[in-house]
Amino acid sequence: MPEPWVYAWLGVEGVVYVGATALHPAARTWLHLHDEDPNVGPMRARYPELATEELEVVAVDLPADVDRQQVRHGAVALLAERGLLSDRHV
């Protein structure tokens, strides 16, 4: 069974993206930035410049019974409150 994850992409100016996935975050990040299908690689389709940037991926694996989307929304709110989101956050 896939594990739930919440992850963030850190650019030089702060967090540019926070995601939630059942795939390993490294695999999901690669798909986001490199898959030509916009349903699989939506960040490539919308923000192709991200694929050429150096981004650090920070991830937290969650217990199976936790709603990863709820955790993701909470993480975005907390990062915003602390001023850690990039002006380019998507």
Protein backbone atom coordinates (compact mmCIF):
# COMPACT_ATOMS: atom_id res chain seq x y z
CA MET A 1 0.00 0.00 0.00
CA PRO A 2 1.39 3.44 -0.90
CA GLU A 3 2.45 5.71 1.93
CA PRO A 4 1.04 9.23 2.23
CA TRP A 5 3.54 12.07 2.05
CA VAL A 6 3.52 15.86 2.26
CA TYR A 7 6.48 17.58 0.65
CA ALA A 8 7.78 21.04 -0.18
CA TRP A 9 10.05 22.40 -2.88
CA LEU A 10 12.48 24.95 -1.50
CA GLY A 11 13.94 27.49 -3.87
CA VAL A 12 16.48 30.19 -3.03
CA GLU A 13 13.72 32.60 -2.01
CA GLY A 14 11.52 30.19 -0.04
CA VAL A 15 8.95 27.47 -0.56
CA VAL A 16 7.63 27.47 -4.13
CA TYR A 17 5.34 24.44 -3.88
CA VAL A 18 3.76 22.16 -1.29
CA GLY A 19 2.31 18.87 -2.41
CA ALA A 20 0.68 15.74 -1.05
CA THR A 21 1.18 12.36 -2.66
CA ALA A 22 1.01 8.61 -2.25
CA LEU A 23 4.16 8.25 -4.39
CA HIS A 24 7.64 8.77 -3.03
CA PRO A 25 8.20 12.56 -3.18
CA ALA A 26 11.29 12.22 -5.39
CA ALA A 27 9.28 10.28 -7.97
CA ARG A 28 6.34 12.68 -7.77
CA THR A 29 8.61 15.70 -8.11
CA TRP A 30 10.24 14.20 -11.20
CA LEU A 31 6.83 13.52 -12.75
CA HIS A 32 5.62 17.04 -11.92
CA LEU A 33 8.61 18.60 -13.65
CA HIS A 34 9.32 16.23 -16.54
CA ASP A 35 6.25 14.28 -17.67
CA GLU A 36 4.80 15.72 -20.88
CA ASP A 37 1.22 14.77 -19.96
CA PRO A 38 -0.22 17.84 -18.16
CA ASN A 39 -2.38 15.54 -16.03
CA VAL A 40 0.76 13.84 -14.71
CA GLY A 41 3.22 16.75 -14.98
CA PRO A 42 1.06 19.77 -14.19
CA MET A 43 3.93 21.90 -12.92
CA ARG A 44 5.85 21.35 -16.16
CA ALA A 45 2.80 22.45 -18.11
CA ARG A 46 2.17 25.58 -16.01
CA TYR A 47 5.65 26.56 -14.78
CA PRO A 48 8.29 25.00 -17.07
CA GLU A 49 11.04 27.21 -15.62
CA LEU A 50 10.88 25.23 -12.36
CA ALA A 51 12.47 22.23 -14.12
CA THR A 52 15.68 24.22 -14.64
CA GLU A 53 15.96 25.51 -11.07
CA GLU A 54 17.78 23.90 -8.21
CA LEU A 55 15.07 22.91 -5.77
CA GLU A 56 15.47 21.09 -2.49
CA VAL A 57 12.69 18.63 -1.74
CA VAL A 58 11.77 18.27 1.92
CA ALA A 59 9.27 15.54 2.73
CA VAL A 60 7.44 14.04 5.69
CA ASP A 61 5.89 10.60 5.55
CA LEU A 62 2.55 10.44 7.29
CA PRO A 63 0.67 7.71 9.10
CA ALA A 64 -1.66 5.80 6.76
CA ASP A 65 -4.80 7.11 8.47
CA VAL A 66 -3.92 10.81 8.09
CA ASP A 67 -5.59 12.95 5.41
CA ARG A 68 -2.57 14.15 3.44
CA GLN A 69 -4.52 16.98 1.76
CA GLN A 70 -5.57 18.34 5.14
CA VAL A 71 -1.93 18.24 6.30
CA ARG A 72 -0.85 19.94 3.07
CA HIS A 73 -3.32 22.80 3.58
CA GLY A 74 -2.17 23.18 7.17
CA ALA A 75 1.48 23.24 6.08
CA VAL A 76 0.81 25.97 3.51
CA ALA A 77 -1.02 28.06 6.12
CA LEU A 78 1.80 27.63 8.64
CA LEU A 79 4.51 28.42 6.08
CA ALA A 80 2.61 31.53 5.00
CA GLU A 81 2.14 32.64 8.60
CA ARG A 82 5.89 32.32 9.17
CA GLY A 83 6.79 34.17 5.96
CA LEU A 84 8.48 31.14 4.40
CA LEU A 85 6.50 30.99 1.13
CA SER A 86 8.13 32.40 -1.97
CA ASP A 87 6.35 35.18 -3.81
CA ARG A 88 6.16 32.59 -6.61
CA HIS A 89 4.43 29.96 -4.45
CA VAL A 90 1.94 27.96 -6.49
